[in-house]
Amino acid sequence: MILIIKILYVSENKVTLMDIVTKYKIIKKYDDSPGWAIYLYTNTDGEGWNKAVYGSFMAKDPVNDLTFVFSDKFSAVHYAKGMFKSAEFID
C-alpha cells in the first residue's frame, strides 16, 4: 500500500516508476505458473510488488491480484533490466 501511495504522489509531478526504483529482486511468488514477480524498492522509501494495470493479461489475476507476473525467472530479469535500467538488481 505504501508503494502505491508514493507512486501516485510522484506521478503528479511527472516522475515515473522507472525514475524512482533504486533496486529490485526477482522472486518466485506463486507455486503455479506464471509465478515469477518483481519486488521493487524506491527512493521514496516505498517497496512492493510491481503491479500491472487493472484488467491486464500480465496480472496474476486481472481483477483480484494485479501482481505483474512472468512464467520464468529469465523473462522477469530481462523485463526488469530493460524497464529499470538505473536500478540495482539484487540476486
PDB file of N, CA and C in Angstrom:
ATOM      1  N   MET A   1       0.818  -1.196   0.000  1.00  0.00           N
ATOM      2  CA  MET A   1       0.000   0.000   0.000  1.00  0.00           C
ATOM      3  C   MET A   1       0.859   1.255   0.000  1.00  0.00           C
ATOM      4  N   ILE A   2       1.951   1.254   0.744  1.00  0.00           N
ATOM      5  CA  ILE A   2       2.833   2.414   0.802  1.00  0.00           C
ATOM      6  C   ILE A   2       3.366   2.750  -0.583  1.00  0.00           C
ATOM      7  N   LEU A   3       3.804   1.739  -1.329  1.00  0.00           N
ATOM      8  CA  LEU A   3       4.377   1.961  -2.652  1.00  0.00           C
ATOM      9  C   LEU A   3       3.372   2.626  -3.578  1.00  0.00           C
ATOM     10  N   ILE A   4       2.141   2.185  -3.564  1.00  0.00           N
ATOM     11  CA  ILE A   4       1.110   2.734  -4.445  1.00  0.00           C
ATOM     12  C   ILE A   4       0.871   4.207  -4.124  1.00  0.00           C
ATOM     13  N   ILE A   5       0.775   4.554  -2.872  1.00  0.00           N
ATOM     14  CA  ILE A   5       0.538   5.946  -2.476  1.00  0.00           C
ATOM     15  C   ILE A   5       1.710   6.822  -2.903  1.00  0.00           C
ATOM     16  N   LYS A   6       2.918   6.377  -2.652  1.00  0.00           N
ATOM     17  CA  LYS A   6       4.105   7.160  -3.006  1.00  0.00           C
ATOM     18  C   LYS A   6       4.186   7.355  -4.516  1.00  0.00           C
ATOM     19  N   ILE A   7       3.894   6.324  -5.294  1.00  0.00           N
ATOM     20  CA  ILE A   7       3.966   6.427  -6.749  1.00  0.00           C
ATOM     21  C   ILE A   7       2.908   7.388  -7.270  1.00  0.00           C
ATOM     22  N   LEU A   8       1.710   7.342  -6.725  1.00  0.00           N
ATOM     23  CA  LEU A   8       0.674   8.269  -7.162  1.00  0.00           C
ATOM     24  C   LEU A   8       1.091   9.704  -6.895  1.00  0.00           C
ATOM     25  N   TYR A   9       1.734   9.966  -5.777  1.00  0.00           N
ATOM     26  CA  TYR A   9       2.182  11.311  -5.442  1.00  0.00           C
ATOM     27  C   TYR A   9       3.226  11.805  -6.446  1.00  0.00           C
ATOM     28  N   VAL A  10       4.236  10.981  -6.713  1.00  0.00           N
ATOM     29  CA  VAL A  10       5.281  11.434  -7.624  1.00  0.00           C
ATOM     30  C   VAL A  10       4.792  11.472  -9.065  1.00  0.00           C
ATOM     31  N   SER A  11       3.800  10.681  -9.432  1.00  0.00           N
ATOM     32  CA  SER A  11       3.265  10.703 -10.787  1.00  0.00           C
ATOM     33  C   SER A  11       2.657  12.064 -11.119  1.00  0.00           C
ATOM     34  N   GLU A  12       2.076  12.721 -10.142  1.00  0.00           N
ATOM     35  CA  GLU A  12       1.513  14.045 -10.365  1.00  0.00           C
ATOM     36  C   GLU A  12       2.604  15.044 -10.716  1.00  0.00           C
ATOM     37  N   ASN A  13       3.829  14.763 -10.318  1.00  0.00           N
ATOM     38  CA  ASN A  13       4.960  15.647 -10.587  1.00  0.00           C
ATOM     39  C   ASN A  13       5.769  15.176 -11.796  1.00  0.00           C
ATOM     40  N   LYS A  14       5.179  14.371 -12.659  1.00  0.00           N
ATOM     41  CA  LYS A  14       5.786  13.890 -13.907  1.00  0.00           C
ATOM     42  C   LYS A  14       6.996  12.983 -13.691  1.00  0.00           C
ATOM     43  N   VAL A  15       7.057  12.317 -12.565  1.00  0.00           N
ATOM     44  CA  VAL A  15       8.103  11.343 -12.294  1.00  0.00           C
ATOM     45  C   VAL A  15       7.470   9.971 -12.473  1.00  0.00           C
ATOM     46  N   THR A  16       8.156   9.075 -13.176  1.00  0.00           N
ATOM     47  CA  THR A  16       7.594   7.754 -13.432  1.00  0.00           C
ATOM     48  C   THR A  16       8.176   6.715 -12.477  1.00  0.00           C
ATOM     49  N   LEU A  17       7.588   5.560 -12.480  1.00  0.00           N
ATOM     50  CA  LEU A  17       8.075   4.455 -11.666  1.00  0.00           C
ATOM     51  C   LEU A  17       9.521   4.137 -12.015  1.00  0.00           C
ATOM     52  N   MET A  18       9.871   4.201 -13.292  1.00  0.00           N
ATOM     53  CA  MET A  18      11.245   3.912 -13.716  1.00  0.00           C
ATOM     54  C   MET A  18      12.236   4.894 -13.097  1.00  0.00           C
ATOM     55  N   ASP A  19      11.792   6.106 -12.796  1.00  0.00           N
ATOM     56  CA  ASP A  19      12.664   7.124 -12.202  1.00  0.00           C
ATOM     57  C   ASP A  19      12.940   6.890 -10.724  1.00  0.00           C
ATOM     58  N   ILE A  20      12.024   6.256 -10.022  1.00  0.00           N
ATOM     59  CA  ILE A  20      12.174   6.152  -8.569  1.00  0.00           C
ATOM     60  C   ILE A  20      12.624   4.781  -8.069  1.00  0.00           C
ATOM     61  N   VAL A  21      12.614   3.758  -8.925  1.00  0.00           N
ATOM     62  CA  VAL A  21      13.065   2.434  -8.499  1.00  0.00           C
ATOM     63  C   VAL A  21      14.583   2.446  -8.382  1.00  0.00           C
ATOM     64  N   THR A  22      15.096   2.070  -7.210  1.00  0.00           N
ATOM     65  CA  THR A  22      16.540   2.059  -6.973  1.00  0.00           C
ATOM     66  C   THR A  22      17.124   0.653  -7.015  1.00  0.00           C
ATOM     67  N   LYS A  23      16.301  -0.333  -6.661  1.00  0.00           N
ATOM     68  CA  LYS A  23      16.750  -1.724  -6.724  1.00  0.00           C
ATOM     69  C   LYS A  23      15.532  -2.634  -6.810  1.00  0.00           C
ATOM     70  N   TYR A  24      15.769  -3.865  -7.228  1.00  0.00           N
ATOM     71  CA  TYR A  24      14.676  -4.821  -7.378  1.00  0.00           C
ATOM     72  C   TYR A  24      15.193  -6.247  -7.231  1.00  0.00           C
ATOM     73  N   LYS A  25      14.269  -7.129  -6.886  1.00  0.00           N
ATOM     74  CA  LYS A  25      14.533  -8.570  -6.772  1.00  0.00           C
ATOM     75  C   LYS A  25      13.555  -9.300  -7.680  1.00  0.00           C
ATOM     76  N   ILE A  26      13.966 -10.450  -8.151  1.00  0.00           N
ATOM     77  CA  ILE A  26      13.064 -11.340  -8.881  1.00  0.00           C
ATOM     78  C   ILE A  26      12.781 -12.509  -7.943  1.00  0.00           C
ATOM     79  N   ILE A  27      11.516 -12.731  -7.653  1.00  0.00           N
ATOM     80  CA  ILE A  27      11.121 -13.723  -6.650  1.00  0.00           C
ATOM     81  C   ILE A  27      10.038 -14.640  -7.215  1.00  0.00           C
ATOM     82  N   LYS A  28      10.142 -15.928  -6.890  1.00  0.00           N
ATOM     83  CA  LYS A  28       9.064 -16.867  -7.237  1.00  0.00           C
ATOM     84  C   LYS A  28       7.981 -16.684  -6.180  1.00  0.00           C
ATOM     85  N   LYS A  29       6.976 -15.917  -6.513  1.00  0.00           N
ATOM     86  CA  LYS A  29       5.908 -15.562  -5.571  1.00  0.00           C
ATOM     87  C   LYS A  29       4.813 -16.622  -5.498  1.00  0.00           C
ATOM     88  N   TYR A  30       4.581 -17.324  -6.590  1.00  0.00           N
ATOM     89  CA  TYR A  30       3.488 -18.298  -6.660  1.00  0.00           C
ATOM     90  C   TYR A  30       4.030 -19.666  -7.067  1.00  0.00           C
ATOM     91  N   ASP A  31       3.396 -20.714  -6.581  1.00  0.00           N
ATOM     92  CA  ASP A  31       3.795 -22.077  -6.947  1.00  0.00           C
ATOM     93  C   ASP A  31       3.351 -22.446  -8.359  1.00  0.00           C
ATOM     94  N   ASP A  32       2.207 -21.910  -8.785  1.00  0.00           N
ATOM     95  CA  ASP A  32       1.727 -22.212 -10.132  1.00  0.00           C
ATOM     96  C   ASP A  32       2.262 -21.172 -11.121  1.00  0.00           C
ATOM     97  N   SER A  33       2.222 -21.521 -12.399  1.00  0.00           N
ATOM     98  CA  SER A  33       2.733 -20.638 -13.436  1.00  0.00           C
ATOM     99  C   SER A  33       1.603 -19.772 -13.994  1.00  0.00           C
ATOM    100  N   PRO A  34       1.851 -18.519 -14.296  1.00  0.00           N
ATOM    101  CA  PRO A  34       3.109 -17.806 -14.108  1.00  0.00           C
ATOM    102  C   PRO A  34       3.307 -17.434 -12.641  1.00  0.00           C
ATOM    103  N   GLY A  35       4.522 -17.620 -12.165  1.00  0.00           N
ATOM    104  CA  GLY A  35       4.763 -17.436 -10.740  1.00  0.00           C
ATOM    105  C   GLY A  35       5.870 -16.476 -10.359  1.00  0.00           C
ATOM    106  N   TRP A  36       6.630 -15.960 -11.338  1.00  0.00           N
ATOM    107  CA  TRP A  36       7.760 -15.078 -11.044  1.00  0.00           C
ATOM    108  C   TRP A  36       7.310 -13.626 -11.072  1.00  0.00           C
ATOM    109  N   ALA A  37       7.773 -12.839 -10.085  1.00  0.00           N
ATOM    110  CA  ALA A  37       7.375 -11.441  -9.984  1.00  0.00           C
ATOM    111  C   ALA A  37       8.565 -10.574  -9.580  1.00  0.00           C
ATOM    112  N   ILE A  38       8.409  -9.274  -9.754  1.00  0.00           N
ATOM    113  CA  ILE A  38       9.466  -8.314  -9.448  1.00  0.00           C
ATOM    114  C   ILE A  38       9.076  -7.540  -8.189  1.00  0.00           C
ATOM    115  N   TYR A  39       9.977  -7.563  -7.196  1.00  0.00           N
ATOM    116  CA  TYR A  39       9.771  -6.796  -5.964  1.00  0.00           C
ATOM    117  C   TYR A  39      10.632  -5.549  -6.048  1.00  0.00           C
ATOM    118  N   LEU A  40      10.017  -4.375  -5.871  1.00  0.00           N
ATOM    119  CA  LEU A  40      10.682  -3.098  -6.098  1.00  0.00           C
ATOM    120  C   LEU A  40      10.975  -2.348  -4.803  1.00  0.00           C
ATOM    121  N   TYR A  41      12.088  -1.617  -4.814  1.00  0.00           N
ATOM    122  CA  TYR A  41      12.455  -0.686  -3.750  1.00  0.00           C
ATOM    123  C   TYR A  41      12.630   0.681  -4.415  1.00  0.00           C
ATOM    124  N   THR A  42      12.106   1.732  -3.791  1.00  0.00           N
ATOM    125  CA  THR A  42      12.167   3.051  -4.415  1.00  0.00           C
ATOM    126  C   THR A  42      12.914   4.063  -3.553  1.00  0.00           C
ATOM    127  N   ASN A  43      13.266   5.178  -4.180  1.00  0.00           N
ATOM    128  CA  ASN A  43      13.938   6.246  -3.442  1.00  0.00           C
ATOM    129  C   ASN A  43      12.948   7.096  -2.651  1.00  0.00           C
ATOM    130  N   THR A  44      11.683   6.730  -2.646  1.00  0.00           N
ATOM    131  CA  THR A  44      10.663   7.410  -1.849  1.00  0.00           C
ATOM    132  C   THR A  44      10.319   6.579  -0.613  1.00  0.00           C
ATOM    133  N   ASP A  45      11.213   5.644  -0.272  1.00  0.00           N
ATOM    134  CA  ASP A  45      11.047   4.735   0.872  1.00  0.00           C
ATOM    135  C   ASP A  45       9.888   3.765   0.708  1.00  0.00           C
ATOM    136  N   GLY A  46       9.426   3.591  -0.505  1.00  0.00           N
ATOM    137  CA  GLY A  46       8.372   2.626  -0.768  1.00  0.00           C
ATOM    138  C   GLY A  46       8.963   1.315  -1.253  1.00  0.00           C
ATOM    139  N   GLU A  47       8.223   0.273  -1.089  1.00  0.00           N
ATOM    140  CA  GLU A  47       8.603  -1.022  -1.630  1.00  0.00           C
ATOM    141  C   GLU A  47       7.345  -1.844  -1.833  1.00  0.00           C
ATOM    142  N   GLY A  48       7.420  -2.775  -2.772  1.00  0.00           N
ATOM    143  CA  GLY A  48       6.269  -3.628  -3.034  1.00  0.00           C
ATOM    144  C   GLY A  48       6.387  -4.306  -4.382  1.00  0.00           C
ATOM    145  N   TRP A  49       5.402  -5.094  -4.692  1.00  0.00           N
ATOM    146  CA  TRP A  49       5.386  -5.848  -5.946  1.00  0.00           C
ATOM    147  C   TRP A  49       5.105  -4.933  -7.119  1.00  0.00           C
ATOM    148  N   ASN A  50       5.753  -5.201  -8.234  1.00  0.00           N
ATOM    149  CA  ASN A  50       5.471  -4.495  -9.476  1.00  0.00           C
ATOM    150  C   ASN A  50       4.051  -4.887  -9.907  1.00  0.00           C
ATOM    151  N   LYS A  51       3.213  -3.914 -10.159  1.00  0.00           N
ATOM    152  CA  LYS A  51       1.806  -4.168 -10.473  1.00  0.00           C
ATOM    153  C   LYS A  51       1.490  -3.907 -11.939  1.00  0.00           C
ATOM    154  N   ALA A  52       0.579  -4.674 -12.450  1.00  0.00           N
ATOM    155  CA  ALA A  52       0.016  -4.448 -13.785  1.00  0.00           C
ATOM    156  C   ALA A  52      -1.231  -3.581 -13.616  1.00  0.00           C
ATOM    157  N   VAL A  53      -1.736  -3.070 -14.698  1.00  0.00           N
ATOM    158  CA  VAL A  53      -2.966  -2.287 -14.631  1.00  0.00           C
ATOM    159  C   VAL A  53      -4.168  -3.233 -14.502  1.00  0.00           C
ATOM    160  N   TYR A  54      -5.230  -2.721 -13.951  1.00  0.00           N
ATOM    161  CA  TYR A  54      -6.456  -3.487 -13.776  1.00  0.00           C
ATOM    162  C   TYR A  54      -6.896  -4.062 -15.123  1.00  0.00           C
ATOM    163  N   GLY A  55      -7.174  -5.340 -15.146  1.00  0.00           N
ATOM    164  CA  GLY A  55      -7.647  -5.998 -16.358  1.00  0.00           C
ATOM    165  C   GLY A  55      -6.543  -6.527 -17.259  1.00  0.00           C
ATOM    166  N   SER A  56      -5.298  -6.312 -16.905  1.00  0.00           N
ATOM    167  CA  SER A  56      -4.174  -6.721 -17.751  1.00  0.00           C
ATOM    168  C   SER A  56      -3.987  -8.231 -17.779  1.00  0.00           C
ATOM    169  N   PHE A  57      -3.618  -8.756 -18.941  1.00  0.00           N
ATOM    170  CA  PHE A  57      -3.318 -10.183 -19.053  1.00  0.00           C
ATOM    171  C   PHE A  57      -1.987 -10.522 -18.383  1.00  0.00           C
ATOM    172  N   MET A  58      -1.176  -9.519 -18.052  1.00  0.00           N
ATOM    173  CA  MET A  58       0.103  -9.758 -17.368  1.00  0.00           C
ATOM    174  C   MET A  58      -0.055  -9.843 -15.849  1.00  0.00           C
ATOM    175  N   ALA A  59      -1.243  -9.564 -15.346  1.00  0.00           N
ATOM    176  CA  ALA A  59      -1.504  -9.668 -13.909  1.00  0.00           C
ATOM    177  C   ALA A  59      -1.770 -11.122 -13.547  1.00  0.00           C
ATOM    178  N   LYS A  60      -1.410 -11.493 -12.328  1.00  0.00           N
ATOM    179  CA  LYS A  60      -1.692 -12.861 -11.873  1.00  0.00           C
ATOM    180  C   LYS A  60      -3.187 -13.124 -11.990  1.00  0.00           C
ATOM    181  N   ASP A  61      -3.984 -12.205 -11.542  1.00  0.00           N
ATOM    182  CA  ASP A  61      -5.435 -12.240 -11.716  1.00  0.00           C
ATOM    183  C   ASP A  61      -5.837 -10.813 -12.089  1.00  0.00           C
ATOM    184  N   PRO A  62      -6.389 -10.594 -13.261  1.00  0.00           N
ATOM    185  CA  PRO A  62      -6.643  -9.229 -13.746  1.00  0.00           C
ATOM    186  C   PRO A  62      -7.617  -8.399 -12.916  1.00  0.00           C
ATOM    187  N   VAL A  63      -8.270  -9.024 -11.938  1.00  0.00           N
ATOM    188  CA  VAL A  63      -9.197  -8.291 -11.082  1.00  0.00           C
ATOM    189  C   VAL A  63      -8.742  -8.312  -9.622  1.00  0.00           C
ATOM    190  N   ASN A  64      -8.342  -9.489  -9.136  1.00  0.00           N
ATOM    191  CA  ASN A  64      -8.084  -9.659  -7.705  1.00  0.00           C
ATOM    192  C   ASN A  64      -6.614  -9.603  -7.282  1.00  0.00           C
ATOM    193  N   ASP A  65      -5.683  -9.824  -8.181  1.00  0.00           N
ATOM    194  CA  ASP A  65      -4.256  -9.793  -7.854  1.00  0.00           C
ATOM    195  C   ASP A  65      -3.503  -9.212  -9.045  1.00  0.00           C
ATOM    196  N   LEU A  66      -3.153  -7.947  -8.953  1.00  0.00           N
ATOM    197  CA  LEU A  66      -2.532  -7.240 -10.068  1.00  0.00           C
ATOM    198  C   LEU A  66      -1.012  -7.392 -10.133  1.00  0.00           C
ATOM    199  N   THR A  67      -0.460  -8.317  -9.383  1.00  0.00           N
ATOM    200  CA  THR A  67       0.980  -8.550  -9.456  1.00  0.00           C
ATOM    201  C   THR A  67       1.366  -8.899 -10.887  1.00  0.00           C
ATOM    202  N   PHE A  68       2.327  -8.163 -11.445  1.00  0.00           N
ATOM    203  CA  PHE A  68       2.837  -8.383 -12.797  1.00  0.00           C
ATOM    204  C   PHE A  68       3.686  -9.648 -12.762  1.00  0.00           C
ATOM    205  N   VAL A  69       3.298 -10.681 -13.492  1.00  0.00           N
ATOM    206  CA  VAL A  69       3.958 -11.987 -13.381  1.00  0.00           C
ATOM    207  C   VAL A  69       4.565 -12.462 -14.697  1.00  0.00           C
ATOM    208  N   PHE A  70       5.509 -13.387 -14.546  1.00  0.00           N
ATOM    209  CA  PHE A  70       6.224 -13.989 -15.670  1.00  0.00           C
ATOM    210  C   PHE A  70       6.261 -15.497 -15.477  1.00  0.00           C
ATOM    211  N   SER A  71       6.384 -16.228 -16.573  1.00  0.00           N
ATOM    212  CA  SER A  71       6.392 -17.684 -16.485  1.00  0.00           C
ATOM    213  C   SER A  71       7.746 -18.242 -16.050  1.00  0.00           C
ATOM    214  N   ASP A  72       8.812 -17.447 -16.194  1.00  0.00           N
ATOM    215  CA  ASP A  72      10.139 -17.924 -15.765  1.00  0.00           C
ATOM    216  C   ASP A  72      10.981 -16.744 -15.290  1.00  0.00           C
ATOM    217  N   LYS A  73      12.025 -17.057 -14.541  1.00  0.00           N
ATOM    218  CA  LYS A  73      12.888 -16.037 -13.959  1.00  0.00           C
ATOM    219  C   LYS A  73      13.619 -15.248 -15.042  1.00  0.00           C
ATOM    220  N   PHE A  74      14.077 -15.928 -16.085  1.00  0.00           N
ATOM    221  CA  PHE A  74      14.803 -15.261 -17.157  1.00  0.00           C
ATOM    222  C   PHE A  74      13.973 -14.126 -17.761  1.00  0.00           C
ATOM    223  N   SER A  75      12.714 -14.389 -18.035  1.00  0.00           N
ATOM    224  CA  SER A  75      11.834 -13.366 -18.623  1.00  0.00           C
ATOM    225  C   SER A  75      11.640 -12.186 -17.678  1.00  0.00           C
ATOM    226  N   ALA A  76      11.489 -12.479 -16.401  1.00  0.00           N
ATOM    227  CA  ALA A  76      11.317 -11.414 -15.404  1.00  0.00           C
ATOM    228  C   ALA A  76      12.573 -10.546 -15.311  1.00  0.00           C
ATOM    229  N   VAL A  77      13.749 -11.182 -15.299  1.00  0.00           N
ATOM    230  CA  VAL A  77      15.008 -10.439 -15.237  1.00  0.00           C
ATOM    231  C   VAL A  77      15.174  -9.590 -16.490  1.00  0.00           C
ATOM    232  N   HIS A  78      14.910 -10.158 -17.633  1.00  0.00           N
ATOM    233  CA  HIS A  78      15.038  -9.444 -18.904  1.00  0.00           C
ATOM    234  C   HIS A  78      14.141  -8.201 -18.924  1.00  0.00           C
ATOM    235  N   TYR A  79      12.907  -8.357 -18.513  1.00  0.00           N
ATOM    236  CA  TYR A  79      11.970  -7.239 -18.465  1.00  0.00           C
ATOM    237  C   TYR A  79      12.453  -6.163 -17.490  1.00  0.00           C
ATOM    238  N   ALA A  80      12.820  -6.584 -16.280  1.00  0.00           N
ATOM    239  CA  ALA A  80      13.227  -5.634 -15.243  1.00  0.00           C
ATOM    240  C   ALA A  80      14.486  -4.866 -15.640  1.00  0.00           C
ATOM    241  N   LYS A  81      15.451  -5.544 -16.234  1.00  0.00           N
ATOM    242  CA  LYS A  81      16.681  -4.866 -16.655  1.00  0.00           C
ATOM    243  C   LYS A  81      16.404  -3.814 -17.721  1.00  0.00           C
ATOM    244  N   GLY A  82      15.459  -4.062 -18.582  1.00  0.00           N
ATOM    245  CA  GLY A  82      15.082  -3.086 -19.599  1.00  0.00           C
ATOM    246  C   GLY A  82      14.234  -1.953 -19.049  1.00  0.00           C
ATOM    247  N   MET A  83      13.371  -2.258 -18.112  1.00  0.00           N
ATOM    248  CA  MET A  83      12.450  -1.265 -17.566  1.00  0.00           C
ATOM    249  C   MET A  83      13.109  -0.375 -16.511  1.00  0.00           C
ATOM    250  N   PHE A  84      13.902  -0.980 -15.642  1.00  0.00           N
ATOM    251  CA  PHE A  84      14.514  -0.261 -14.531  1.00  0.00           C
ATOM    252  C   PHE A  84      16.027  -0.192 -14.734  1.00  0.00           C
ATOM    253  N   LYS A  85      16.447   0.460 -15.804  1.00  0.00           N
ATOM    254  CA  LYS A  85      17.846   0.469 -16.249  1.00  0.00           C
ATOM    255  C   LYS A  85      18.820   1.017 -15.224  1.00  0.00           C
ATOM    256  N   SER A  86      18.418   1.999 -14.458  1.00  0.00           N
ATOM    257  CA  SER A  86      19.341   2.603 -13.495  1.00  0.00           C
ATOM    258  C   SER A  86      19.242   1.961 -12.109  1.00  0.00           C
ATOM    259  N   ALA A  87      18.386   0.965 -11.949  1.00  0.00           N
ATOM    260  CA  ALA A  87      18.216   0.302 -10.661  1.00  0.00           C
ATOM    261  C   ALA A  87      19.172  -0.876 -10.514  1.00  0.00           C
ATOM    262  N   GLU A  88      19.465  -1.205  -9.282  1.00  0.00           N
ATOM    263  CA  GLU A  88      20.355  -2.334  -8.967  1.00  0.00           C
ATOM    264  C   GLU A  88      19.535  -3.621  -8.888  1.00  0.00           C
ATOM    265  N   PHE A  89      20.018  -4.659  -9.565  1.00  0.00           N
ATOM    266  CA  PHE A  89      19.387  -5.980  -9.494  1.00  0.00           C
ATOM    267  C   PHE A  89      19.975  -6.713  -8.291  1.00  0.00           C
ATOM    268  N   ILE A  90      19.122  -7.105  -7.371  1.00  0.00           N
ATOM    269  CA  ILE A  90      19.546  -7.861  -6.182  1.00  0.00           C
ATOM    270  C   ILE A  90      19.213  -9.322  -6.456  1.00  0.00           C
ATOM    271  N   ASP A  91      20.238 -10.139  -6.580  1.00  0.00           N
ATOM    272  CA  ASP A  91      20.025 -11.556  -6.901  1.00  0.00           C
ATOM    273  C   ASP A  91      19.856 -12.371  -5.645  1.00  0.00           C
TER     274      ASP A  91
END
